[in-house]
N, C-alpha and C. Protein backbone atom coordinates (compact mmCIF):
# COMPACT_ATOMS: atom_id res chain seq x y z
N VAL A 1 197.98 -53.46 83.30
CA VAL A 1 198.92 -53.08 82.26
C VAL A 1 200.32 -53.06 82.86
N ILE A 2 201.24 -53.66 82.14
CA ILE A 2 202.64 -53.65 82.54
C ILE A 2 203.39 -52.86 81.48
N ALA A 3 204.23 -51.94 81.93
CA ALA A 3 204.97 -51.10 81.00
C ALA A 3 206.45 -51.12 81.36
N THR A 4 207.28 -50.82 80.38
CA THR A 4 208.71 -50.67 80.64
C THR A 4 209.06 -49.20 80.50
N GLN A 5 210.12 -48.82 81.16
CA GLN A 5 210.55 -47.42 81.12
C GLN A 5 212.05 -47.40 80.90
N ASN A 6 212.49 -46.71 79.86
CA ASN A 6 213.92 -46.58 79.61
C ASN A 6 214.51 -45.52 80.52
N PRO A 7 215.78 -45.68 80.88
CA PRO A 7 216.43 -44.65 81.69
C PRO A 7 216.42 -43.31 80.95
N ILE A 8 216.37 -42.23 81.70
CA ILE A 8 216.33 -40.88 81.14
C ILE A 8 217.55 -40.62 80.26
N GLU A 9 218.66 -41.28 80.56
CA GLU A 9 219.90 -41.04 79.82
C GLU A 9 219.81 -41.51 78.37
N PHE A 10 218.84 -42.37 78.04
CA PHE A 10 218.70 -42.85 76.67
C PHE A 10 218.25 -41.70 75.78
N GLU A 11 218.85 -41.63 74.61
CA GLU A 11 218.49 -40.60 73.66
C GLU A 11 217.03 -40.80 73.24
N GLY A 12 216.29 -39.71 73.22
CA GLY A 12 214.90 -39.77 72.80
C GLY A 12 213.93 -40.11 73.91
N THR A 13 214.42 -40.25 75.15
CA THR A 13 213.50 -40.49 76.28
C THR A 13 213.43 -39.22 77.11
N TYR A 14 212.28 -39.00 77.66
CA TYR A 14 212.04 -37.80 78.46
C TYR A 14 211.38 -38.22 79.76
N PRO A 15 211.62 -37.47 80.82
CA PRO A 15 211.00 -37.84 82.10
C PRO A 15 209.47 -37.76 82.00
N LEU A 16 208.81 -38.73 82.62
CA LEU A 16 207.36 -38.69 82.67
C LEU A 16 206.94 -37.63 83.68
N PRO A 17 205.87 -36.91 83.41
CA PRO A 17 205.37 -35.94 84.39
C PRO A 17 204.91 -36.65 85.67
N ALA A 18 205.00 -35.95 86.78
CA ALA A 18 204.63 -36.52 88.08
C ALA A 18 203.21 -37.07 88.06
N ALA A 19 202.30 -36.41 87.37
CA ALA A 19 200.90 -36.88 87.32
C ALA A 19 200.80 -38.25 86.64
N GLN A 20 201.64 -38.50 85.64
CA GLN A 20 201.63 -39.82 84.98
C GLN A 20 202.30 -40.87 85.86
N LEU A 21 203.42 -40.52 86.49
CA LEU A 21 204.11 -41.46 87.36
C LEU A 21 203.22 -41.92 88.50
N ASP A 22 202.37 -41.02 88.98
CA ASP A 22 201.49 -41.33 90.10
C ASP A 22 200.44 -42.37 89.75
N ARG A 23 200.24 -42.63 88.46
CA ARG A 23 199.23 -43.60 88.04
C ARG A 23 199.79 -45.02 87.89
N PHE A 24 201.11 -45.15 87.98
CA PHE A 24 201.72 -46.48 87.98
C PHE A 24 201.60 -47.05 89.39
N PHE A 25 201.12 -48.29 89.50
CA PHE A 25 200.97 -48.92 90.82
C PHE A 25 202.31 -49.09 91.50
N MET A 26 203.23 -49.76 90.81
CA MET A 26 204.52 -50.09 91.41
C MET A 26 205.61 -49.97 90.37
N LYS A 27 206.83 -49.85 90.86
CA LYS A 27 207.98 -49.83 89.97
C LYS A 27 209.02 -50.79 90.51
N PHE A 28 209.53 -51.64 89.63
CA PHE A 28 210.58 -52.59 89.99
C PHE A 28 211.76 -52.37 89.07
N ASN A 29 212.96 -52.44 89.62
CA ASN A 29 214.18 -52.39 88.83
C ASN A 29 214.77 -53.80 88.81
N PHE A 30 214.79 -54.41 87.64
CA PHE A 30 215.24 -55.79 87.54
C PHE A 30 216.73 -55.90 87.21
N GLY A 31 217.30 -54.88 86.63
CA GLY A 31 218.71 -54.97 86.26
C GLY A 31 218.89 -55.90 85.06
N TYR A 32 220.12 -56.33 84.85
CA TYR A 32 220.43 -57.19 83.73
C TYR A 32 220.36 -58.66 84.13
N VAL A 33 220.08 -59.50 83.16
CA VAL A 33 220.03 -60.94 83.41
C VAL A 33 221.45 -61.50 83.41
N SER A 34 221.61 -62.72 83.92
CA SER A 34 222.91 -63.38 83.94
C SER A 34 223.33 -63.71 82.51
N GLU A 35 224.60 -64.02 82.32
CA GLU A 35 225.10 -64.36 80.99
C GLU A 35 224.38 -65.60 80.44
N ASP A 36 224.18 -66.61 81.30
CA ASP A 36 223.48 -67.83 80.86
C ASP A 36 222.06 -67.51 80.40
N LYS A 37 221.36 -66.70 81.18
CA LYS A 37 219.99 -66.34 80.82
C LYS A 37 219.97 -65.53 79.53
N GLU A 38 220.92 -64.65 79.37
CA GLU A 38 221.00 -63.84 78.15
C GLU A 38 221.23 -64.74 76.93
N MET A 39 222.09 -65.72 77.07
CA MET A 39 222.34 -66.66 75.97
C MET A 39 221.05 -67.43 75.64
N GLU A 40 220.32 -67.83 76.66
CA GLU A 40 219.05 -68.53 76.45
C GLU A 40 218.06 -67.64 75.69
N ILE A 41 218.02 -66.38 76.05
CA ILE A 41 217.14 -65.43 75.35
C ILE A 41 217.52 -65.33 73.88
N TYR A 42 218.81 -65.23 73.61
CA TYR A 42 219.27 -65.15 72.22
C TYR A 42 218.90 -66.41 71.43
N ARG A 43 219.12 -67.57 72.06
CA ARG A 43 218.78 -68.83 71.37
C ARG A 43 217.28 -68.91 71.10
N ASP A 44 216.47 -68.54 72.10
CA ASP A 44 215.02 -68.56 71.92
C ASP A 44 214.59 -67.60 70.81
N TYR A 45 215.23 -66.44 70.76
CA TYR A 45 214.90 -65.47 69.74
C TYR A 45 215.19 -66.02 68.34
N LEU A 46 216.33 -66.67 68.21
CA LEU A 46 216.71 -67.20 66.89
C LEU A 46 215.83 -68.37 66.46
N SER A 47 215.24 -69.06 67.40
CA SER A 47 214.34 -70.16 67.06
C SER A 47 212.90 -69.72 67.38
N ILE A 48 212.52 -68.61 66.81
CA ILE A 48 211.25 -67.96 67.11
C ILE A 48 210.05 -68.88 66.93
N ASN A 49 210.13 -69.86 66.04
CA ASN A 49 208.99 -70.75 65.80
C ASN A 49 208.69 -71.63 67.01
N LYS A 50 209.66 -71.82 67.91
CA LYS A 50 209.45 -72.66 69.08
C LYS A 50 208.73 -71.92 70.20
N ILE A 51 208.76 -70.61 70.20
CA ILE A 51 208.20 -69.85 71.32
C ILE A 51 206.72 -70.13 71.57
N PRO A 52 205.85 -70.14 70.56
CA PRO A 52 204.44 -70.42 70.87
C PRO A 52 204.21 -71.74 71.59
N GLU A 53 205.06 -72.73 71.34
CA GLU A 53 204.92 -74.01 72.02
C GLU A 53 205.32 -73.91 73.49
N THR A 54 206.20 -72.99 73.82
CA THR A 54 206.71 -72.92 75.19
C THR A 54 205.97 -71.89 76.04
N VAL A 55 205.15 -71.06 75.44
CA VAL A 55 204.43 -70.04 76.19
C VAL A 55 203.05 -70.57 76.57
N HIS A 56 202.80 -70.58 77.88
CA HIS A 56 201.51 -71.06 78.38
C HIS A 56 200.98 -70.08 79.41
N PRO A 57 199.68 -69.93 79.48
CA PRO A 57 199.13 -69.05 80.53
C PRO A 57 199.49 -69.59 81.91
N VAL A 58 199.81 -68.69 82.81
CA VAL A 58 200.15 -69.11 84.17
C VAL A 58 198.95 -69.00 85.11
N ILE A 59 197.94 -68.26 84.67
CA ILE A 59 196.74 -68.09 85.49
C ILE A 59 195.56 -67.75 84.59
N LYS A 60 194.40 -68.22 84.95
CA LYS A 60 193.19 -67.93 84.18
C LYS A 60 192.60 -66.60 84.61
N TYR A 61 191.87 -65.99 83.71
CA TYR A 61 191.19 -64.73 84.01
C TYR A 61 190.30 -64.86 85.24
N GLU A 62 189.57 -65.95 85.32
CA GLU A 62 188.66 -66.18 86.45
C GLU A 62 189.42 -66.21 87.77
N ASP A 63 190.62 -66.80 87.75
CA ASP A 63 191.42 -66.87 88.97
C ASP A 63 191.93 -65.48 89.37
N ILE A 64 192.27 -64.68 88.38
CA ILE A 64 192.70 -63.30 88.67
C ILE A 64 191.56 -62.54 89.33
N MET A 65 190.37 -62.68 88.79
CA MET A 65 189.22 -61.97 89.35
C MET A 65 188.91 -62.47 90.76
N MET A 66 189.07 -63.77 91.00
CA MET A 66 188.84 -64.32 92.33
C MET A 66 189.86 -63.74 93.33
N LEU A 67 191.13 -63.69 92.93
CA LEU A 67 192.16 -63.12 93.80
C LEU A 67 191.88 -61.64 94.07
N ARG A 68 191.49 -60.95 93.04
CA ARG A 68 191.18 -59.52 93.19
C ARG A 68 190.04 -59.32 94.19
N ASN A 69 189.00 -60.14 94.06
CA ASN A 69 187.88 -60.05 95.00
C ASN A 69 188.30 -60.44 96.40
N ASN A 70 189.11 -61.49 96.54
CA ASN A 70 189.57 -61.93 97.86
C ASN A 70 190.42 -60.87 98.55
N ALA A 71 191.17 -60.11 97.78
CA ALA A 71 192.02 -59.07 98.35
C ALA A 71 191.20 -58.02 99.11
N GLU A 72 189.97 -57.81 98.67
CA GLU A 72 189.11 -56.83 99.34
C GLU A 72 188.77 -57.25 100.76
N PHE A 73 188.92 -58.54 101.07
CA PHE A 73 188.58 -59.04 102.40
C PHE A 73 189.79 -59.20 103.31
N VAL A 74 190.97 -58.82 102.81
CA VAL A 74 192.18 -58.86 103.65
C VAL A 74 192.07 -57.73 104.67
N PHE A 75 192.22 -58.08 105.93
CA PHE A 75 192.07 -57.12 107.03
C PHE A 75 193.27 -56.19 107.11
N VAL A 76 192.99 -54.90 107.20
CA VAL A 76 194.02 -53.89 107.43
C VAL A 76 193.68 -53.20 108.75
N HIS A 77 194.51 -53.42 109.73
CA HIS A 77 194.28 -52.83 111.06
C HIS A 77 194.23 -51.30 110.94
N PRO A 78 193.35 -50.65 111.69
CA PRO A 78 193.28 -49.18 111.64
C PRO A 78 194.63 -48.50 111.89
N GLU A 79 195.49 -49.09 112.71
CA GLU A 79 196.80 -48.50 112.96
C GLU A 79 197.71 -48.60 111.73
N ILE A 80 197.52 -49.63 110.93
CA ILE A 80 198.30 -49.73 109.69
C ILE A 80 197.80 -48.70 108.68
N ILE A 81 196.50 -48.48 108.64
CA ILE A 81 195.94 -47.42 107.78
C ILE A 81 196.51 -46.08 108.23
N HIS A 82 196.57 -45.86 109.54
CA HIS A 82 197.13 -44.64 110.08
C HIS A 82 198.61 -44.50 109.70
N ALA A 83 199.34 -45.62 109.73
CA ALA A 83 200.76 -45.60 109.35
C ALA A 83 200.92 -45.22 107.88
N VAL A 84 200.06 -45.76 107.01
CA VAL A 84 200.12 -45.39 105.59
C VAL A 84 199.87 -43.89 105.44
N SER A 85 198.89 -43.39 106.14
CA SER A 85 198.59 -41.96 106.10
C SER A 85 199.79 -41.14 106.57
N ASN A 86 200.40 -41.56 107.68
CA ASN A 86 201.57 -40.86 108.19
C ASN A 86 202.72 -40.88 107.19
N ILE A 87 202.98 -42.02 106.60
CA ILE A 87 204.07 -42.14 105.63
C ILE A 87 203.83 -41.19 104.46
N VAL A 88 202.63 -41.25 103.90
CA VAL A 88 202.30 -40.39 102.76
C VAL A 88 202.43 -38.91 103.14
N ARG A 89 201.87 -38.53 104.27
CA ARG A 89 201.91 -37.12 104.68
C ARG A 89 203.33 -36.65 105.00
N HIS A 90 204.14 -37.52 105.62
CA HIS A 90 205.50 -37.10 105.97
C HIS A 90 206.38 -36.95 104.73
N THR A 91 206.05 -37.64 103.64
CA THR A 91 206.84 -37.41 102.41
C THR A 91 206.61 -35.99 101.89
N ARG A 92 205.51 -35.41 102.26
CA ARG A 92 205.19 -34.04 101.78
C ARG A 92 205.92 -32.96 102.57
N SER A 93 206.39 -33.29 103.77
CA SER A 93 207.00 -32.26 104.61
C SER A 93 208.49 -32.48 104.86
N ASP A 94 209.06 -33.57 104.35
CA ASP A 94 210.47 -33.84 104.56
C ASP A 94 211.32 -32.93 103.68
N ASP A 95 212.36 -32.37 104.25
CA ASP A 95 213.22 -31.42 103.52
C ASP A 95 213.94 -32.04 102.33
N ALA A 96 214.14 -33.35 102.33
CA ALA A 96 214.88 -34.00 101.25
C ALA A 96 213.97 -34.33 100.06
N ILE A 97 212.67 -34.13 100.22
CA ILE A 97 211.71 -34.49 99.17
C ILE A 97 211.05 -33.23 98.62
N ARG A 98 211.22 -33.02 97.33
CA ARG A 98 210.65 -31.83 96.68
C ARG A 98 209.14 -31.99 96.48
N LEU A 99 208.71 -33.17 96.02
CA LEU A 99 207.29 -33.42 95.80
C LEU A 99 206.94 -34.74 96.46
N GLY A 100 206.05 -34.70 97.44
CA GLY A 100 205.68 -35.87 98.21
C GLY A 100 204.59 -36.70 97.55
N ALA A 101 204.19 -37.73 98.25
CA ALA A 101 203.20 -38.68 97.74
C ALA A 101 201.79 -38.08 97.80
N SER A 102 200.97 -38.49 96.84
CA SER A 102 199.58 -38.03 96.77
C SER A 102 198.68 -38.97 97.57
N THR A 103 197.44 -38.55 97.73
CA THR A 103 196.44 -39.41 98.36
C THR A 103 196.26 -40.69 97.54
N ARG A 104 196.31 -40.57 96.21
CA ARG A 104 196.23 -41.75 95.34
C ARG A 104 197.33 -42.75 95.70
N SER A 105 198.51 -42.25 96.04
CA SER A 105 199.62 -43.11 96.45
C SER A 105 199.24 -43.94 97.66
N GLY A 106 198.58 -43.31 98.62
CA GLY A 106 198.15 -44.03 99.82
C GLY A 106 197.14 -45.11 99.51
N ILE A 107 196.21 -44.81 98.62
CA ILE A 107 195.20 -45.80 98.22
C ILE A 107 195.87 -46.99 97.54
N ILE A 108 196.80 -46.72 96.65
CA ILE A 108 197.50 -47.79 95.95
C ILE A 108 198.37 -48.58 96.92
N TYR A 109 198.99 -47.89 97.86
CA TYR A 109 199.80 -48.56 98.89
C TYR A 109 198.91 -49.55 99.65
N LEU A 110 197.73 -49.14 100.05
CA LEU A 110 196.81 -50.03 100.77
C LEU A 110 196.39 -51.22 99.91
N LYS A 111 196.10 -50.98 98.64
CA LYS A 111 195.73 -52.08 97.73
C LYS A 111 196.88 -53.07 97.60
N CYS A 112 198.09 -52.56 97.46
CA CYS A 112 199.26 -53.43 97.32
C CYS A 112 199.52 -54.21 98.61
N LEU A 113 199.32 -53.57 99.75
CA LEU A 113 199.49 -54.27 101.02
C LEU A 113 198.54 -55.45 101.13
N ARG A 114 197.29 -55.23 100.74
CA ARG A 114 196.31 -56.32 100.78
C ARG A 114 196.70 -57.45 99.83
N ALA A 115 197.07 -57.09 98.62
CA ALA A 115 197.45 -58.11 97.63
C ALA A 115 198.68 -58.88 98.10
N TYR A 116 199.65 -58.18 98.65
CA TYR A 116 200.88 -58.81 99.13
C TYR A 116 200.57 -59.81 100.24
N ALA A 117 199.73 -59.40 101.19
CA ALA A 117 199.34 -60.31 102.27
C ALA A 117 198.66 -61.55 101.71
N LEU A 118 197.75 -61.36 100.78
CA LEU A 118 197.02 -62.48 100.18
C LEU A 118 197.98 -63.43 99.47
N LEU A 119 198.92 -62.88 98.72
CA LEU A 119 199.89 -63.72 98.00
C LEU A 119 200.82 -64.47 98.95
N HIS A 120 200.90 -64.00 100.18
CA HIS A 120 201.73 -64.67 101.19
C HIS A 120 200.88 -65.49 102.15
N GLY A 121 199.66 -65.81 101.72
CA GLY A 121 198.81 -66.73 102.48
C GLY A 121 198.19 -66.16 103.73
N ARG A 122 198.12 -64.84 103.82
CA ARG A 122 197.54 -64.21 105.00
C ARG A 122 196.27 -63.46 104.63
N ASN A 123 195.34 -63.37 105.59
CA ASN A 123 194.13 -62.56 105.36
C ASN A 123 194.23 -61.28 106.18
N TYR A 124 195.45 -60.85 106.46
CA TYR A 124 195.70 -59.62 107.21
C TYR A 124 197.07 -59.07 106.80
N VAL A 125 197.22 -57.77 106.97
CA VAL A 125 198.47 -57.07 106.66
C VAL A 125 199.27 -56.94 107.95
N VAL A 126 200.59 -57.11 107.86
CA VAL A 126 201.47 -56.92 109.02
C VAL A 126 202.38 -55.72 108.77
N GLU A 127 202.94 -55.18 109.87
CA GLU A 127 203.72 -53.95 109.74
C GLU A 127 204.95 -54.11 108.85
N ASP A 128 205.55 -55.29 108.80
CA ASP A 128 206.71 -55.49 107.93
C ASP A 128 206.35 -55.33 106.45
N ASP A 129 205.09 -55.57 106.10
CA ASP A 129 204.65 -55.38 104.71
C ASP A 129 204.84 -53.92 104.28
N LEU A 130 204.66 -53.00 105.22
CA LEU A 130 204.85 -51.57 104.92
C LEU A 130 206.25 -51.33 104.38
N LYS A 131 207.23 -51.89 105.08
CA LYS A 131 208.63 -51.70 104.69
C LYS A 131 208.94 -52.41 103.38
N THR A 132 208.41 -53.62 103.24
CA THR A 132 208.69 -54.43 102.05
C THR A 132 208.22 -53.73 100.78
N LEU A 133 207.07 -53.07 100.83
CA LEU A 133 206.47 -52.50 99.62
C LEU A 133 206.73 -51.00 99.44
N ALA A 134 207.25 -50.34 100.44
CA ALA A 134 207.36 -48.88 100.40
C ALA A 134 208.05 -48.36 99.14
N HIS A 135 209.22 -48.88 98.82
CA HIS A 135 209.96 -48.34 97.68
C HIS A 135 209.28 -48.66 96.35
N SER A 136 208.77 -49.87 96.22
CA SER A 136 208.11 -50.24 94.96
C SER A 136 206.87 -49.40 94.70
N VAL A 137 206.17 -49.02 95.77
CA VAL A 137 204.92 -48.28 95.61
C VAL A 137 205.16 -46.77 95.58
N LEU A 138 206.09 -46.28 96.38
CA LEU A 138 206.22 -44.83 96.56
C LEU A 138 207.38 -44.18 95.83
N ASN A 139 208.49 -44.87 95.67
CA ASN A 139 209.72 -44.23 95.20
C ASN A 139 209.54 -43.49 93.87
N HIS A 140 208.85 -44.08 92.91
CA HIS A 140 208.72 -43.45 91.60
C HIS A 140 207.72 -42.28 91.62
N ARG A 141 206.97 -42.13 92.70
CA ARG A 141 205.99 -41.05 92.82
C ARG A 141 206.60 -39.80 93.45
N LEU A 142 207.73 -39.95 94.09
CA LEU A 142 208.36 -38.85 94.81
C LEU A 142 209.40 -38.17 93.94
N ILE A 143 209.52 -36.88 94.10
CA ILE A 143 210.59 -36.14 93.43
C ILE A 143 211.52 -35.66 94.53
N TYR A 144 212.76 -36.15 94.45
CA TYR A 144 213.74 -35.86 95.47
C TYR A 144 214.59 -34.66 95.07
N LYS A 145 215.05 -33.93 96.08
CA LYS A 145 216.01 -32.85 95.83
C LYS A 145 217.36 -33.47 95.46
N ASN A 146 217.68 -34.57 96.12
CA ASN A 146 218.88 -35.36 95.85
C ASN A 146 218.46 -36.82 96.00
N GLN A 147 218.72 -37.65 95.00
CA GLN A 147 218.22 -39.02 94.98
C GLN A 147 218.60 -39.82 96.24
N ASP A 148 219.88 -39.82 96.59
CA ASP A 148 220.33 -40.61 97.75
C ASP A 148 219.72 -40.10 99.05
N GLU A 149 219.73 -38.78 99.24
CA GLU A 149 219.17 -38.21 100.47
C GLU A 149 217.66 -38.43 100.52
N GLY A 150 217.00 -38.34 99.38
CA GLY A 150 215.55 -38.55 99.32
C GLY A 150 215.17 -39.98 99.66
N GLU A 151 215.91 -40.94 99.09
CA GLU A 151 215.62 -42.34 99.40
C GLU A 151 215.90 -42.65 100.86
N ALA A 152 216.94 -42.03 101.41
CA ALA A 152 217.23 -42.21 102.84
C ALA A 152 216.10 -41.63 103.68
N ALA A 153 215.55 -40.50 103.24
CA ALA A 153 214.42 -39.90 103.96
C ALA A 153 213.21 -40.82 103.92
N LEU A 154 212.92 -41.41 102.76
CA LEU A 154 211.79 -42.35 102.66
C LEU A 154 212.02 -43.53 103.60
N ASN A 155 213.24 -44.05 103.64
CA ASN A 155 213.56 -45.16 104.56
C ASN A 155 213.29 -44.76 106.01
N ARG A 156 213.71 -43.56 106.39
CA ARG A 156 213.51 -43.08 107.76
C ARG A 156 212.02 -42.97 108.09
N ILE A 157 211.27 -42.40 107.17
CA ILE A 157 209.83 -42.21 107.38
C ILE A 157 209.14 -43.55 107.59
N VAL A 158 209.44 -44.51 106.72
CA VAL A 158 208.81 -45.83 106.81
C VAL A 158 209.26 -46.54 108.08
N GLN A 159 210.56 -46.50 108.38
CA GLN A 159 211.09 -47.17 109.57
C GLN A 159 210.44 -46.62 110.83
N ARG A 160 210.26 -45.32 110.88
CA ARG A 160 209.64 -44.70 112.07
C ARG A 160 208.23 -45.26 112.28
N GLU A 161 207.47 -45.43 111.21
CA GLU A 161 206.11 -45.96 111.33
C GLU A 161 206.11 -47.44 111.69
N VAL A 162 207.02 -48.20 111.11
CA VAL A 162 207.12 -49.63 111.43
C VAL A 162 207.45 -49.79 112.92
N GLU A 163 208.39 -48.99 113.43
CA GLU A 163 208.74 -49.06 114.84
C GLU A 163 207.58 -48.63 115.73
N ARG A 164 206.85 -47.60 115.31
CA ARG A 164 205.69 -47.15 116.08
C ARG A 164 204.67 -48.28 116.18
N LEU A 165 204.43 -48.97 115.05
CA LEU A 165 203.47 -50.08 115.06
C LEU A 165 203.96 -51.23 115.92
N ALA A 166 205.25 -51.52 115.86
CA ALA A 166 205.81 -52.62 116.67
C ALA A 166 205.61 -52.33 118.16
N ASN A 167 205.75 -51.08 118.54
CA ASN A 167 205.56 -50.70 119.95
C ASN A 167 204.11 -50.80 120.39
N LEU A 168 203.18 -50.70 119.45
CA LEU A 168 201.76 -50.81 119.79
C LEU A 168 201.34 -52.26 120.00
N ASN A 169 202.14 -53.18 119.43
CA ASN A 169 201.85 -54.61 119.55
C ASN A 169 200.42 -54.92 119.08
N ILE A 170 200.11 -54.50 117.87
CA ILE A 170 198.76 -54.72 117.34
C ILE A 170 198.55 -56.18 116.97
N GLU A 171 197.33 -56.62 117.08
CA GLU A 171 196.97 -57.98 116.67
C GLU A 171 195.96 -57.90 115.55
N ASN A 172 196.07 -58.84 114.62
CA ASN A 172 195.18 -58.84 113.46
C ASN A 172 193.99 -59.74 113.67
């Protein structure tokens, strides 16, 4: 399921409870499209009858299931599992974070790491994947005392684990 979320500042929108936010796998902020793209959207909207001709499936259900099954075989080194655990646990004790990540967050982080590796043609997770996915997987699950300081704390926590793994020189 893919969902959109309006900014809290919009009239009639309310913050989602932490328990609901924790059930979203990832969060991406796309921002606004370019002026050219926006014009294309408007033109497509006005010629609504053409849209069914231009919309095609990009992947079959069977292929999705195959990828999902293949992701289960992506190797995650025990030290990377340990790093995920450390990241999740340290979000709970950092002074800049009011509410840290749950165990569910760690499980989803591991699932996303496997999927990311698979989509990048690897059958193993590397330490840089931790950094690449950290904000998309964890940021919306955390409640910060101050947004900027909290995000900086998450960056520090993740960076510390990535550096620890780099010093171990693990092989997949």
